[in-house]
PDB file of N, CA and C in Angstrom:
ATOM      1  N   MET A   1       0.822  -1.186   0.000  1.00  0.00           N
ATOM      2  CA  MET A   1       0.000   0.000   0.000  1.00  0.00           C
ATOM      3  C   MET A   1       0.874   1.262   0.000  1.00  0.00           C
ATOM      4  N   LEU A   2       2.034   1.186   0.591  1.00  0.00           N
ATOM      5  CA  LEU A   2       2.903   2.361   0.627  1.00  0.00           C
ATOM      6  C   LEU A   2       3.359   2.775  -0.773  1.00  0.00           C
ATOM      7  N   ASN A   3       3.405   1.853  -1.704  1.00  0.00           N
ATOM      8  CA  ASN A   3       3.843   2.159  -3.061  1.00  0.00           C
ATOM      9  C   ASN A   3       2.684   2.436  -4.009  1.00  0.00           C
ATOM     10  N   CYS A   4       1.465   2.424  -3.515  1.00  0.00           N
ATOM     11  CA  CYS A   4       0.278   2.662  -4.347  1.00  0.00           C
ATOM     12  C   CYS A   4       0.176   4.142  -4.692  1.00  0.00           C
ATOM     13  N   ASP A   5      -0.086   4.443  -5.971  1.00  0.00           N
ATOM     14  CA  ASP A   5      -0.215   5.839  -6.409  1.00  0.00           C
ATOM     15  C   ASP A   5      -1.620   6.400  -6.210  1.00  0.00           C
ATOM     16  N   HIS A   6      -2.580   5.556  -5.898  1.00  0.00           N
ATOM     17  CA  HIS A   6      -3.962   6.014  -5.745  1.00  0.00           C
ATOM     18  C   HIS A   6      -4.094   6.877  -4.490  1.00  0.00           C
ATOM     19  N   GLU A   7      -4.745   8.022  -4.626  1.00  0.00           N
ATOM     20  CA  GLU A   7      -4.987   8.902  -3.475  1.00  0.00           C
ATOM     21  C   GLU A   7      -6.278   8.452  -2.803  1.00  0.00           C
ATOM     22  N   MET A   8      -6.161   7.850  -1.626  1.00  0.00           N
ATOM     23  CA  MET A   8      -7.314   7.278  -0.935  1.00  0.00           C
ATOM     24  C   MET A   8      -8.285   8.356  -0.439  1.00  0.00           C
ATOM     25  N   ALA A   9      -7.760   9.509  -0.068  1.00  0.00           N
ATOM     26  CA  ALA A   9      -8.583  10.637   0.365  1.00  0.00           C
ATOM     27  C   ALA A   9      -7.865  11.917  -0.039  1.00  0.00           C
ATOM     28  N   SER A  10      -8.591  12.794  -0.718  1.00  0.00           N
ATOM     29  CA  SER A  10      -7.959  14.027  -1.188  1.00  0.00           C
ATOM     30  C   SER A  10      -7.603  14.937  -0.019  1.00  0.00           C
ATOM     31  N   ASP A  11      -6.426  15.518  -0.070  1.00  0.00           N
ATOM     32  CA  ASP A  11      -5.934  16.474   0.935  1.00  0.00           C
ATOM     33  C   ASP A  11      -5.953  15.926   2.360  1.00  0.00           C
ATOM     34  N   VAL A  12      -5.769  14.620   2.512  1.00  0.00           N
ATOM     35  CA  VAL A  12      -5.805  14.022   3.843  1.00  0.00           C
ATOM     36  C   VAL A  12      -4.710  14.594   4.740  1.00  0.00           C
ATOM     37  N   ASP A  13      -3.621  15.057   4.140  1.00  0.00           N
ATOM     38  CA  ASP A  13      -2.543  15.637   4.940  1.00  0.00           C
ATOM     39  C   ASP A  13      -2.906  16.997   5.514  1.00  0.00           C
ATOM     40  N   ARG A  14      -4.007  17.578   5.079  1.00  0.00           N
ATOM     41  CA  ARG A  14      -4.439  18.894   5.572  1.00  0.00           C
ATOM     42  C   ARG A  14      -5.599  18.815   6.562  1.00  0.00           C
ATOM     43  N   LEU A  15      -6.051  17.615   6.909  1.00  0.00           N
ATOM     44  CA  LEU A  15      -7.163  17.473   7.841  1.00  0.00           C
ATOM     45  C   LEU A  15      -6.746  17.897   9.247  1.00  0.00           C
ATOM     46  N   THR A  16      -7.635  18.604   9.924  1.00  0.00           N
ATOM     47  CA  THR A  16      -7.418  19.000  11.309  1.00  0.00           C
ATOM     48  C   THR A  16      -8.712  18.761  12.084  1.00  0.00           C
ATOM     49  N   ASP A  17      -8.646  18.912  13.381  1.00  0.00           N
ATOM     50  CA  ASP A  17      -9.844  18.759  14.205  1.00  0.00           C
ATOM     51  C   ASP A  17     -10.875  19.844  13.915  1.00  0.00           C
ATOM     52  N   GLU A  18     -10.421  21.000  13.443  1.00  0.00           N
ATOM     53  CA  GLU A  18     -11.323  22.116  13.184  1.00  0.00           C
ATOM     54  C   GLU A  18     -11.893  22.105  11.764  1.00  0.00           C
ATOM     55  N   ALA A  19     -11.322  21.316  10.872  1.00  0.00           N
ATOM     56  CA  ALA A  19     -11.754  21.299   9.468  1.00  0.00           C
ATOM     57  C   ALA A  19     -13.068  20.536   9.315  1.00  0.00           C
ATOM     58  N   ASP A  20     -13.807  20.863   8.256  1.00  0.00           N
ATOM     59  CA  ASP A  20     -15.016  20.114   7.930  1.00  0.00           C
ATOM     60  C   ASP A  20     -14.630  18.706   7.506  1.00  0.00           C
ATOM     61  N   ALA A  21     -15.507  17.773   7.740  1.00  0.00           N
ATOM     62  CA  ALA A  21     -15.273  16.398   7.304  1.00  0.00           C
ATOM     63  C   ALA A  21     -15.268  16.352   5.778  1.00  0.00           C
ATOM     64  N   PRO A  22     -14.474  15.467   5.194  1.00  0.00           N
ATOM     65  CA  PRO A  22     -14.416  15.378   3.731  1.00  0.00           C
ATOM     66  C   PRO A  22     -15.755  14.984   3.106  1.00  0.00           C
ATOM     67  N   LEU A  23     -16.552  14.212   3.806  1.00  0.00           N
ATOM     68  CA  LEU A  23     -17.848  13.779   3.293  1.00  0.00           C
ATOM     69  C   LEU A  23     -18.934  14.534   4.034  1.00  0.00           C
ATOM     70  N   GLN A  24     -19.768  15.237   3.298  1.00  0.00           N
ATOM     71  CA  GLN A  24     -20.824  16.055   3.891  1.00  0.00           C
ATOM     72  C   GLN A  24     -22.198  15.539   3.460  1.00  0.00           C
ATOM     73  N   PRO A  25     -23.205  15.685   4.328  1.00  0.00           N
ATOM     74  CA  PRO A  25     -24.558  15.289   3.931  1.00  0.00           C
ATOM     75  C   PRO A  25     -25.134  16.273   2.930  1.00  0.00           C
ATOM     76  N   ASN A  26     -26.163  15.815   2.181  1.00  0.00           N
ATOM     77  CA  ASN A  26     -26.826  16.708   1.231  1.00  0.00           C
ATOM     78  C   ASN A  26     -27.795  17.627   1.979  1.00  0.00           C
ATOM     79  N   ASP A  27     -28.601  18.384   1.265  1.00  0.00           N
ATOM     80  CA  ASP A  27     -29.513  19.354   1.885  1.00  0.00           C
ATOM     81  C   ASP A  27     -30.544  18.695   2.802  1.00  0.00           C
ATOM     82  N   ALA A  28     -30.855  17.431   2.548  1.00  0.00           N
ATOM     83  CA  ALA A  28     -31.823  16.708   3.379  1.00  0.00           C
ATOM     84  C   ALA A  28     -31.157  16.058   4.588  1.00  0.00           C
ATOM     85  N   GLY A  29     -29.835  16.225   4.732  1.00  0.00           N
ATOM     86  CA  GLY A  29     -29.117  15.648   5.853  1.00  0.00           C
ATOM     87  C   GLY A  29     -28.728  14.194   5.650  1.00  0.00           C
ATOM     88  N   VAL A  30     -28.792  13.729   4.405  1.00  0.00           N
ATOM     89  CA  VAL A  30     -28.494  12.337   4.091  1.00  0.00           C
ATOM     90  C   VAL A  30     -27.119  12.242   3.447  1.00  0.00           C
ATOM     91  N   TYR A  31     -26.346  11.271   3.912  1.00  0.00           N
ATOM     92  CA  TYR A  31     -25.024  11.041   3.330  1.00  0.00           C
ATOM     93  C   TYR A  31     -25.159  10.156   2.098  1.00  0.00           C
ATOM     94  N   PRO A  32     -24.274  10.318   1.104  1.00  0.00           N
ATOM     95  CA  PRO A  32     -24.352   9.474  -0.083  1.00  0.00           C
ATOM     96  C   PRO A  32     -24.079   8.000   0.259  1.00  0.00           C
ATOM     97  N   ILE A  33     -24.743   7.124  -0.436  1.00  0.00           N
ATOM     98  CA  ILE A  33     -24.585   5.687  -0.220  1.00  0.00           C
ATOM     99  C   ILE A  33     -23.512   5.168  -1.173  1.00  0.00           C
ATOM    100  N   PRO A  34     -22.484   4.494  -0.662  1.00  0.00           N
ATOM    101  CA  PRO A  34     -21.453   3.943  -1.540  1.00  0.00           C
ATOM    102  C   PRO A  34     -22.048   2.938  -2.524  1.00  0.00           C
ATOM    103  N   GLN A  35     -21.614   3.007  -3.779  1.00  0.00           N
ATOM    104  CA  GLN A  35     -22.069   2.089  -4.801  1.00  0.00           C
ATOM    105  C   GLN A  35     -20.866   1.605  -5.604  1.00  0.00           C
ATOM    106  N   PRO A  36     -19.963   0.855  -4.961  1.00  0.00           N
ATOM    107  CA  PRO A  36     -18.764   0.409  -5.661  1.00  0.00           C
ATOM    108  C   PRO A  36     -19.109  -0.461  -6.858  1.00  0.00           C
ATOM    109  N   GLY A  37     -18.421  -0.217  -7.962  1.00  0.00           N
ATOM    110  CA  GLY A  37     -18.659  -0.959  -9.186  1.00  0.00           C
ATOM    111  C   GLY A  37     -19.795  -0.406 -10.010  1.00  0.00           C
ATOM    112  N   ILE A  38     -20.670   0.390  -9.405  1.00  0.00           N
ATOM    113  CA  ILE A  38     -21.788   1.000 -10.139  1.00  0.00           C
ATOM    114  C   ILE A  38     -21.413   2.418 -10.535  1.00  0.00           C
ATOM    115  N   ILE A  39     -20.979   3.211  -9.568  1.00  0.00           N
ATOM    116  CA  ILE A  39     -20.501   4.564  -9.838  1.00  0.00           C
ATOM    117  C   ILE A  39     -18.983   4.502  -9.820  1.00  0.00           C
ATOM    118  N   THR A  40     -18.357   4.688 -10.965  1.00  0.00           N
ATOM    119  CA  THR A  40     -16.902   4.520 -11.056  1.00  0.00           C
ATOM    120  C   THR A  40     -16.177   5.781 -11.475  1.00  0.00           C
ATOM    121  N   ASP A  41     -16.887   6.882 -11.733  1.00  0.00           N
ATOM    122  CA  ASP A  41     -16.202   8.093 -12.230  1.00  0.00           C
ATOM    123  C   ASP A  41     -15.888   9.102 -11.153  1.00  0.00           C
ATOM    124  N   TRP A  42     -16.217   8.844  -9.879  1.00  0.00           N
ATOM    125  CA  TRP A  42     -15.871   9.779  -8.811  1.00  0.00           C
ATOM    126  C   TRP A  42     -15.769   9.053  -7.489  1.00  0.00           C
ATOM    127  N   GLU A  43     -15.126   9.706  -6.557  1.00  0.00           N
ATOM    128  CA  GLU A  43     -14.979   9.168  -5.215  1.00  0.00           C
ATOM    129  C   GLU A  43     -15.683  10.099  -4.241  1.00  0.00           C
ATOM    130  N   TYR A  44     -15.834   9.683  -3.022  1.00  0.00           N
ATOM    131  CA  TYR A  44     -16.480  10.517  -1.999  1.00  0.00           C
ATOM    132  C   TYR A  44     -15.456  11.436  -1.373  1.00  0.00           C
ATOM    133  N   ALA A  45     -15.172  12.510  -2.005  1.00  0.00           N
ATOM    134  CA  ALA A  45     -14.212  13.444  -1.461  1.00  0.00           C
ATOM    135  C   ALA A  45     -14.558  14.861  -1.783  1.00  0.00           C
TER     136      ALA A  45
END
Protein backbone atom coordinates (compact mmCIF):
# COMPACT_ATOMS: atom_id res chain seq x y z
CA MET A 1 0.00 0.00 0.00
CA LEU A 2 2.90 2.36 0.63
CA ASN A 3 3.84 2.16 -3.06
CA CYS A 4 0.28 2.66 -4.35
CA ASP A 5 -0.22 5.84 -6.41
CA HIS A 6 -3.96 6.01 -5.74
CA GLU A 7 -4.99 8.90 -3.48
CA MET A 8 -7.31 7.28 -0.93
CA ALA A 9 -8.58 10.64 0.37
CA SER A 10 -7.96 14.03 -1.19
CA ASP A 11 -5.93 16.47 0.93
CA VAL A 12 -5.81 14.02 3.84
CA ASP A 13 -2.54 15.64 4.94
CA ARG A 14 -4.44 18.89 5.57
CA LEU A 15 -7.16 17.47 7.84
CA THR A 16 -7.42 19.00 11.31
CA ASP A 17 -9.84 18.76 14.20
CA GLU A 18 -11.32 22.12 13.18
CA ALA A 19 -11.75 21.30 9.47
CA ASP A 20 -15.02 20.11 7.93
CA ALA A 21 -15.27 16.40 7.30
CA PRO A 22 -14.42 15.38 3.73
CA LEU A 23 -17.85 13.78 3.29
CA GLN A 24 -20.82 16.06 3.89
CA PRO A 25 -24.56 15.29 3.93
CA ASN A 26 -26.83 16.71 1.23
CA ASP A 27 -29.51 19.35 1.88
CA ALA A 28 -31.82 16.71 3.38
CA GLY A 29 -29.12 15.65 5.85
CA VAL A 30 -28.49 12.34 4.09
CA TYR A 31 -25.02 11.04 3.33
CA PRO A 32 -24.35 9.47 -0.08
CA ILE A 33 -24.59 5.69 -0.22
CA PRO A 34 -21.45 3.94 -1.54
CA GLN A 35 -22.07 2.09 -4.80
CA PRO A 36 -18.76 0.41 -5.66
CA GLY A 37 -18.66 -0.96 -9.19
CA ILE A 38 -21.79 1.00 -10.14
CA ILE A 39 -20.50 4.56 -9.84
CA THR A 40 -16.90 4.52 -11.06
CA ASP A 41 -16.20 8.09 -12.23
CA TRP A 42 -15.87 9.78 -8.81
CA GLU A 43 -14.98 9.17 -5.22
CA TYR A 44 -16.48 10.52 -2.00
CA ALA A 45 -14.21 13.44 -1.46
